[in-house]
PDB file of all heavy atoms in Angstrom:
ATOM      1  N   PHE A   1      83.175  62.520  68.537  1.00  0.00           N
ATOM      2  CA  PHE A   1      82.660  63.775  67.979  1.00  0.00           C
ATOM      3  C   PHE A   1      81.992  63.515  66.623  1.00  0.00           C
ATOM      4  O   PHE A   1      80.899  64.018  66.345  1.00  0.00           O
ATOM      5  CB  PHE A   1      83.797  64.780  67.833  1.00  0.00           C
ATOM      6  CG  PHE A   1      83.374  66.098  67.238  1.00  0.00           C
ATOM      7  CD1 PHE A   1      82.828  67.097  68.027  1.00  0.00           C
ATOM      8  CD2 PHE A   1      83.514  66.337  65.876  1.00  0.00           C
ATOM      9  CE1 PHE A   1      82.427  68.311  67.483  1.00  0.00           C
ATOM     10  CE2 PHE A   1      83.114  67.538  65.318  1.00  0.00           C
ATOM     11  CZ  PHE A   1      82.573  68.537  66.119  1.00  0.00           C
ATOM     12  N   ARG A   2      82.643  62.737  65.795  1.00  0.00           N
ATOM     13  CA  ARG A   2      82.080  62.460  64.469  1.00  0.00           C
ATOM     14  C   ARG A   2      80.815  61.614  64.567  1.00  0.00           C
ATOM     15  O   ARG A   2      79.905  61.749  63.743  1.00  0.00           O
ATOM     16  CB  ARG A   2      83.128  61.762  63.592  1.00  0.00           C
ATOM     17  CG  ARG A   2      84.262  62.684  63.167  1.00  0.00           C
ATOM     18  CD  ARG A   2      85.313  61.941  62.386  1.00  0.00           C
ATOM     19  NE  ARG A   2      86.474  62.780  62.136  1.00  0.00           N
ATOM     20  CZ  ARG A   2      87.632  62.340  61.704  1.00  0.00           C
ATOM     21  NH1 ARG A   2      87.800  61.032  61.463  1.00  0.00           N
ATOM     22  NH2 ARG A   2      88.639  63.164  61.493  1.00  0.00           N
ATOM     23  N   LEU A   3      80.768  60.742  65.564  1.00  0.00           N
ATOM     24  CA  LEU A   3      79.561  59.941  65.759  1.00  0.00           C
ATOM     25  C   LEU A   3      78.375  60.852  66.096  1.00  0.00           C
ATOM     26  O   LEU A   3      77.276  60.683  65.561  1.00  0.00           O
ATOM     27  CB  LEU A   3      79.787  58.918  66.864  1.00  0.00           C
ATOM     28  CG  LEU A   3      78.625  57.948  67.142  1.00  0.00           C
ATOM     29  CD1 LEU A   3      78.315  57.104  65.895  1.00  0.00           C
ATOM     30  CD2 LEU A   3      78.952  57.044  68.324  1.00  0.00           C
ATOM     31  N   ALA A   4      78.615  61.825  66.985  1.00  0.00           N
ATOM     32  CA  ALA A   4      77.554  62.786  67.306  1.00  0.00           C
ATOM     33  C   ALA A   4      77.136  63.553  66.054  1.00  0.00           C
ATOM     34  O   ALA A   4      75.934  63.774  65.814  1.00  0.00           O
ATOM     35  CB  ALA A   4      78.039  63.754  68.384  1.00  0.00           C
ATOM     36  N   LYS A   5      78.090  63.937  65.241  1.00  0.00           N
ATOM     37  CA  LYS A   5      77.799  64.671  64.013  1.00  0.00           C
ATOM     38  C   LYS A   5      76.986  63.819  63.045  1.00  0.00           C
ATOM     39  O   LYS A   5      76.008  64.297  62.432  1.00  0.00           O
ATOM     40  CB  LYS A   5      79.111  65.118  63.358  1.00  0.00           C
ATOM     41  CG  LYS A   5      78.944  65.893  62.062  1.00  0.00           C
ATOM     42  CD  LYS A   5      80.301  66.321  61.515  1.00  0.00           C
ATOM     43  CE  LYS A   5      80.162  66.999  60.156  1.00  0.00           C
ATOM     44  NZ  LYS A   5      81.477  67.415  59.618  1.00  0.00           N
ATOM     45  N   ALA A   6      77.363  62.559  62.893  1.00  0.00           N
ATOM     46  CA  ALA A   6      76.651  61.666  61.968  1.00  0.00           C
ATOM     47  C   ALA A   6      75.202  61.476  62.412  1.00  0.00           C
ATOM     48  O   ALA A   6      74.273  61.541  61.596  1.00  0.00           O
ATOM     49  CB  ALA A   6      77.366  60.324  61.884  1.00  0.00           C
ATOM     50  N   TYR A   7      74.991  61.247  63.713  1.00  0.00           N
ATOM     51  CA  TYR A   7      73.613  61.089  64.222  1.00  0.00           C
ATOM     52  C   TYR A   7      72.800  62.372  63.997  1.00  0.00           C
ATOM     53  O   TYR A   7      71.625  62.319  63.636  1.00  0.00           O
ATOM     54  CB  TYR A   7      73.645  60.761  65.713  1.00  0.00           C
ATOM     55  CG  TYR A   7      73.890  59.302  66.026  1.00  0.00           C
ATOM     56  CD1 TYR A   7      74.807  58.921  67.007  1.00  0.00           C
ATOM     57  CD2 TYR A   7      73.178  58.300  65.361  1.00  0.00           C
ATOM     58  CE1 TYR A   7      75.028  57.581  67.311  1.00  0.00           C
ATOM     59  CE2 TYR A   7      73.395  56.954  65.666  1.00  0.00           C
ATOM     60  CZ  TYR A   7      74.310  56.600  66.632  1.00  0.00           C
ATOM     61  OH  TYR A   7      74.522  55.271  66.932  1.00  0.00           O
ATOM     62  N   ALA A   8      73.448  63.524  64.217  1.00  0.00           N
ATOM     63  CA  ALA A   8      72.736  64.790  64.018  1.00  0.00           C
ATOM     64  C   ALA A   8      72.339  64.965  62.565  1.00  0.00           C
ATOM     65  O   ALA A   8      71.221  65.417  62.254  1.00  0.00           O
ATOM     66  CB  ALA A   8      73.613  65.952  64.487  1.00  0.00           C
ATOM     67  N   GLN A   9      73.239  64.594  61.650  1.00  0.00           N
ATOM     68  CA  GLN A   9      72.935  64.725  60.222  1.00  0.00           C
ATOM     69  C   GLN A   9      71.841  63.750  59.793  1.00  0.00           C
ATOM     70  O   GLN A   9      71.093  64.018  58.854  1.00  0.00           O
ATOM     71  CB  GLN A   9      74.206  64.513  59.397  1.00  0.00           C
ATOM     72  CG  GLN A   9      75.175  65.675  59.489  1.00  0.00           C
ATOM     73  CD  GLN A   9      76.457  65.409  58.715  1.00  0.00           C
ATOM     74  OE1 GLN A   9      77.193  64.471  59.016  1.00  0.00           O
ATOM     75  NE2 GLN A   9      76.730  66.235  57.728  1.00  0.00           N
ATOM     76  N   LEU A  10      71.750  62.627  60.494  1.00  0.00           N
ATOM     77  CA  LEU A  10      70.691  61.657  60.208  1.00  0.00           C
ATOM     78  C   LEU A  10      69.364  62.057  60.856  1.00  0.00           C
ATOM     79  O   LEU A  10      68.335  61.397  60.632  1.00  0.00           O
ATOM     80  CB  LEU A  10      71.104  60.270  60.713  1.00  0.00           C
ATOM     81  CG  LEU A  10      72.135  59.520  59.858  1.00  0.00           C
ATOM     82  CD1 LEU A  10      72.686  58.317  60.617  1.00  0.00           C
ATOM     83  CD2 LEU A  10      71.514  59.072  58.530  1.00  0.00           C
ATOM     84  N   GLY A  11      69.389  63.107  61.671  1.00  0.00           N
ATOM     85  CA  GLY A  11      68.179  63.550  62.349  1.00  0.00           C
ATOM     86  C   GLY A  11      67.852  62.750  63.587  1.00  0.00           C
ATOM     87  O   GLY A  11      66.734  62.857  64.132  1.00  0.00           O
ATOM     88  N   GLU A  12      68.783  61.944  64.081  1.00  0.00           N
ATOM     89  CA  GLU A  12      68.561  61.125  65.264  1.00  0.00           C
ATOM     90  C   GLU A  12      69.061  61.897  66.495  1.00  0.00           C
ATOM     91  O   GLU A  12      70.165  61.688  67.005  1.00  0.00           O
ATOM     92  CB  GLU A  12      69.280  59.781  65.106  1.00  0.00           C
ATOM     93  CG  GLU A  12      68.768  58.986  63.903  1.00  0.00           C
ATOM     94  CD  GLU A  12      69.474  57.646  63.749  1.00  0.00           C
ATOM     95  OE1 GLU A  12      70.224  57.265  64.667  1.00  0.00           O
ATOM     96  OE2 GLU A  12      69.268  56.982  62.700  1.00  0.00           O
ATOM     97  N   ARG A  13      68.199  62.807  66.966  1.00  0.00           N
ATOM     98  CA  ARG A  13      68.575  63.743  68.020  1.00  0.00           C
ATOM     99  C   ARG A  13      68.978  63.066  69.328  1.00  0.00           C
ATOM    100  O   ARG A  13      70.024  63.423  69.907  1.00  0.00           O
ATOM    101  CB  ARG A  13      67.428  64.749  68.258  1.00  0.00           C
ATOM    102  CG  ARG A  13      67.209  65.692  67.082  1.00  0.00           C
ATOM    103  CD  ARG A  13      65.833  66.381  67.144  1.00  0.00           C
ATOM    104  NE  ARG A  13      65.690  67.237  68.303  1.00  0.00           N
ATOM    105  CZ  ARG A  13      65.900  68.558  68.307  1.00  0.00           C
ATOM    106  NH1 ARG A  13      66.287  69.146  67.185  1.00  0.00           N
ATOM    107  NH2 ARG A  13      65.716  69.265  69.400  1.00  0.00           N
ATOM    108  N   PRO A  14      68.204  62.109  69.842  1.00  0.00           N
ATOM    109  CA  PRO A  14      68.612  61.491  71.120  1.00  0.00           C
ATOM    110  C   PRO A  14      69.996  60.841  71.042  1.00  0.00           C
ATOM    111  O   PRO A  14      70.807  60.968  71.962  1.00  0.00           O
ATOM    112  CB  PRO A  14      67.518  60.446  71.373  1.00  0.00           C
ATOM    113  CG  PRO A  14      66.330  60.952  70.609  1.00  0.00           C
ATOM    114  CD  PRO A  14      66.898  61.576  69.381  1.00  0.00           C
ATOM    115  N   GLN A  15      70.257  60.134  69.940  1.00  0.00           N
ATOM    116  CA  GLN A  15      71.559  59.474  69.790  1.00  0.00           C
ATOM    117  C   GLN A  15      72.683  60.513  69.668  1.00  0.00           C
ATOM    118  O   GLN A  15      73.794  60.321  70.192  1.00  0.00           O
ATOM    119  CB  GLN A  15      71.558  58.555  68.567  1.00  0.00           C
ATOM    120  CG  GLN A  15      70.683  57.324  68.710  1.00  0.00           C
ATOM    121  CD  GLN A  15      69.251  57.578  68.259  1.00  0.00           C
ATOM    122  OE1 GLN A  15      68.782  58.723  68.231  1.00  0.00           O
ATOM    123  NE2 GLN A  15      68.546  56.503  67.893  1.00  0.00           N
ATOM    124  N   ALA A  16      72.407  61.620  68.966  1.00  0.00           N
ATOM    125  CA  ALA A  16      73.409  62.681  68.833  1.00  0.00           C
ATOM    126  C   ALA A  16      73.735  63.275  70.202  1.00  0.00           C
ATOM    127  O   ALA A  16      74.915  63.519  70.535  1.00  0.00           O
ATOM    128  CB  ALA A  16      72.909  63.768  67.883  1.00  0.00           C
ATOM    129  N   LEU A  17      72.703  63.496  71.002  1.00  0.00           N
ATOM    130  CA  LEU A  17      72.915  64.047  72.339  1.00  0.00           C
ATOM    131  C   LEU A  17      73.649  63.049  73.244  1.00  0.00           C
ATOM    132  O   LEU A  17      74.507  63.435  74.046  1.00  0.00           O
ATOM    133  CB  LEU A  17      71.579  64.447  72.956  1.00  0.00           C
ATOM    134  CG  LEU A  17      70.879  65.646  72.266  1.00  0.00           C
ATOM    135  CD1 LEU A  17      69.436  65.753  72.720  1.00  0.00           C
ATOM    136  CD2 LEU A  17      71.641  66.929  72.566  1.00  0.00           C
ATOM    137  N   ASP A  18      73.311  61.756  73.100  1.00  0.00           N
ATOM    138  CA  ASP A  18      74.035  60.723  73.858  1.00  0.00           C
ATOM    139  C   ASP A  18      75.527  60.777  73.523  1.00  0.00           C
ATOM    140  O   ASP A  18      76.381  60.683  74.413  1.00  0.00           O
ATOM    141  CB  ASP A  18      73.492  59.337  73.522  1.00  0.00           C
ATOM    142  CG  ASP A  18      72.113  59.080  74.134  1.00  0.00           C
ATOM    143  OD1 ASP A  18      71.723  59.840  75.042  1.00  0.00           O
ATOM    144  OD2 ASP A  18      71.445  58.124  73.674  1.00  0.00           O
ATOM    145  N   ALA A  19      75.821  60.900  72.220  1.00  0.00           N
ATOM    146  CA  ALA A  19      77.222  60.907  71.774  1.00  0.00           C
ATOM    147  C   ALA A  19      77.940  62.157  72.273  1.00  0.00           C
ATOM    148  O   ALA A  19      79.118  62.090  72.668  1.00  0.00           O
ATOM    149  CB  ALA A  19      77.287  60.829  70.247  1.00  0.00           C
ATOM    150  N   LEU A  20      77.275  63.303  72.286  1.00  0.00           N
ATOM    151  CA  LEU A  20      77.897  64.525  72.800  1.00  0.00           C
ATOM    152  C   LEU A  20      78.171  64.407  74.290  1.00  0.00           C
ATOM    153  O   LEU A  20      79.245  64.809  74.779  1.00  0.00           O
ATOM    154  CB  LEU A  20      76.995  65.732  72.525  1.00  0.00           C
ATOM    155  CG  LEU A  20      76.970  66.263  71.087  1.00  0.00           C
ATOM    156  CD1 LEU A  20      75.943  67.373  70.936  1.00  0.00           C
ATOM    157  CD2 LEU A  20      78.352  66.769  70.682  1.00  0.00           C
ATOM    158  N   GLU A  21      77.233  63.866  75.034  1.00  0.00           N
ATOM    159  CA  GLU A  21      77.441  63.692  76.473  1.00  0.00           C
ATOM    160  C   GLU A  21      78.571  62.708  76.745  1.00  0.00           C
ATOM    161  O   GLU A  21      79.317  62.851  77.736  1.00  0.00           O
ATOM    162  CB  GLU A  21      76.147  63.216  77.131  1.00  0.00           C
ATOM    163  CG  GLU A  21      75.074  64.299  77.187  1.00  0.00           C
ATOM    164  CD  GLU A  21      73.743  63.797  77.729  1.00  0.00           C
ATOM    165  OE1 GLU A  21      73.503  62.573  77.663  1.00  0.00           O
ATOM    166  OE2 GLU A  21      72.958  64.622  78.216  1.00  0.00           O
ATOM    167  N   ALA A  22      78.718  61.726  75.867  1.00  0.00           N
ATOM    168  CA  ALA A  22      79.797  60.748  76.044  1.00  0.00           C
ATOM    169  C   ALA A  22      81.173  61.396  75.893  1.00  0.00           C
ATOM    170  O   ALA A  22      82.168  60.884  76.426  1.00  0.00           O
ATOM    171  CB  ALA A  22      79.635  59.605  75.042  1.00  0.00           C
ATOM    172  N   LEU A  23      81.230  62.529  75.163  1.00  0.00           N
ATOM    173  CA  LEU A  23      82.508  63.244  75.025  1.00  0.00           C
ATOM    174  C   LEU A  23      83.065  63.652  76.386  1.00  0.00           C
ATOM    175  O   LEU A  23      84.277  63.666  76.591  1.00  0.00           O
ATOM    176  CB  LEU A  23      82.317  64.491  74.151  1.00  0.00           C
ATOM    177  CG  LEU A  23      82.223  64.294  72.641  1.00  0.00           C
ATOM    178  CD1 LEU A  23      81.842  65.601  71.969  1.00  0.00           C
ATOM    179  CD2 LEU A  23      83.543  63.782  72.089  1.00  0.00           C
ATOM    180  N   LEU A  24      82.158  64.002  77.303  1.00  0.00           N
ATOM    181  CA  LEU A  24      82.593  64.460  78.625  1.00  0.00           C
ATOM    182  C   LEU A  24      83.148  63.329  79.470  1.00  0.00           C
ATOM    183  O   LEU A  24      83.777  63.572  80.503  1.00  0.00           O
ATOM    184  CB  LEU A  24      81.421  65.117  79.361  1.00  0.00           C
ATOM    185  CG  LEU A  24      80.762  66.315  78.648  1.00  0.00           C
ATOM    186  CD1 LEU A  24      79.592  66.828  79.471  1.00  0.00           C
ATOM    187  CD2 LEU A  24      81.776  67.416  78.421  1.00  0.00           C
ATOM    188  N   LYS A  25      82.906  62.080  79.050  1.00  0.00           N
ATOM    189  CA  LYS A  25      83.364  60.929  79.814  1.00  0.00           C
ATOM    190  C   LYS A  25      84.591  60.272  79.191  1.00  0.00           C
ATOM    191  O   LYS A  25      85.048  59.236  79.658  1.00  0.00           O
ATOM    192  CB  LYS A  25      82.230  59.910  79.926  1.00  0.00           C
ATOM    193  CG  LYS A  25      80.978  60.475  80.597  1.00  0.00           C
ATOM    194  CD  LYS A  25      79.823  59.485  80.560  1.00  0.00           C
ATOM    195  CE  LYS A  25      78.553  60.082  81.159  1.00  0.00           C
ATOM    196  NZ  LYS A  25      77.399  59.160  81.063  1.00  0.00           N
ATOM    197  N   GLN A  26      85.088  60.888  78.114  1.00  0.00           N
ATOM    198  CA  GLN A  26      86.278  60.344  77.459  1.00  0.00           C
ATOM    199  C   GLN A  26      87.485  60.463  78.387  1.00  0.00           C
ATOM    200  O   GLN A  26      87.515  61.285  79.305  1.00  0.00           O
ATOM    201  CB  GLN A  26      86.564  61.118  76.164  1.00  0.00           C
ATOM    202  CG  GLN A  26      85.515  60.941  75.076  1.00  0.00           C
ATOM    203  CD  GLN A  26      85.614  59.571  74.412  1.00  0.00           C
ATOM    204  OE1 GLN A  26      86.691  59.036  74.214  1.00  0.00           O
ATOM    205  NE2 GLN A  26      84.476  59.006  74.082  1.00  0.00           N
ATOM    206  N   GLY A  27      88.506  59.672  78.110  1.00  0.00           N
ATOM    207  CA  GLY A  27      89.732  59.742  78.895  1.00  0.00           C
ATOM    208  C   GLY A  27      90.481  61.043  78.685  1.00  0.00           C
ATOM    209  O   GLY A  27      91.347  61.408  79.471  1.00  0.00           O
ATOM    210  N   TRP A  28      90.157  61.738  77.601  1.00  0.00           N
ATOM    211  CA  TRP A  28      90.814  63.019  77.308  1.00  0.00           C
ATOM    212  C   TRP A  28      89.748  63.982  76.818  1.00  0.00           C
ATOM    213  O   TRP A  28      89.039  63.705  75.856  1.00  0.00           O
ATOM    214  CB  TRP A  28      91.893  62.814  76.237  1.00  0.00           C
ATOM    215  CG  TRP A  28      92.604  64.067  75.826  1.00  0.00           C
ATOM    216  CD1 TRP A  28      93.670  64.645  76.451  1.00  0.00           C
ATOM    217  CD2 TRP A  28      92.321  64.891  74.684  1.00  0.00           C
ATOM    218  NE1 TRP A  28      94.061  65.781  75.786  1.00  0.00           N
ATOM    219  CE2 TRP A  28      93.252  65.954  74.685  1.00  0.00           C
ATOM    220  CE3 TRP A  28      91.377  64.847  73.668  1.00  0.00           C
ATOM    221  CZ2 TRP A  28      93.271  66.944  73.723  1.00  0.00           C
ATOM    222  CZ3 TRP A  28      91.382  65.831  72.699  1.00  0.00           C
ATOM    223  CH2 TRP A  28      92.318  66.864  72.727  1.00  0.00           C
ATOM    224  N   VAL A  29      89.588  65.106  77.514  1.00  0.00           N
ATOM    225  CA  VAL A  29      88.580  66.099  77.157  1.00  0.00           C
ATOM    226  C   VAL A  29      89.266  67.461  77.094  1.00  0.00           C
ATOM    227  O   VAL A  29      89.955  67.855  78.042  1.00  0.00           O
ATOM    228  CB  VAL A  29      87.424  66.160  78.182  1.00  0.00           C
ATOM    229  CG1 VAL A  29      86.369  67.161  77.729  1.00  0.00           C
ATOM    230  CG2 VAL A  29      86.803  64.783  78.368  1.00  0.00           C
ATOM    231  N   SER A  30      89.071  68.170  75.996  1.00  0.00           N
ATOM    232  CA  SER A  30      89.668  69.487  75.827  1.00  0.00           C
ATOM    233  C   SER A  30      88.608  70.564  75.955  1.00  0.00           C
ATOM    234  O   SER A  30      87.524  70.464  75.377  1.00  0.00           O
ATOM    235  CB  SER A  30      90.337  69.594  74.457  1.00  0.00           C
ATOM    236  OG  SER A  30      90.713  70.926  74.190  1.00  0.00           O
ATOM    237  N   ALA A  31      88.929  71.627  76.693  1.00  0.00           N
ATOM    238  CA  ALA A  31      87.994  72.735  76.843  1.00  0.00           C
ATOM    239  C   ALA A  31      87.701  73.394  75.502  1.00  0.00           C
ATOM    240  O   ALA A  31      86.625  73.964  75.299  1.00  0.00           O
ATOM    241  CB  ALA A  31      88.554  73.765  77.817  1.00  0.00           C
ATOM    242  N   SER A  32      88.656  73.330  74.555  1.00  0.00           N
ATOM    243  CA  SER A  32      88.454  73.937  73.244  1.00  0.00           C
ATOM    244  C   SER A  32      87.356  73.223  72.456  1.00  0.00           C
ATOM    245  O   SER A  32      86.873  73.744  71.439  1.00  0.00           O
ATOM    246  CB  SER A  32      89.757  73.916  72.435  1.00  0.00           C
ATOM    247  OG  SER A  32      90.177  72.583  72.194  1.00  0.00           O
TER     248      SER A  32
END
């Protein structure tokens, strides 16, 4: 989550989106 946030703050949109999508593939995903 923080990696996606850091990329977004750096303005690196594709990398931020990659990191957000990777959240869905984690071993633990919370609906919250």
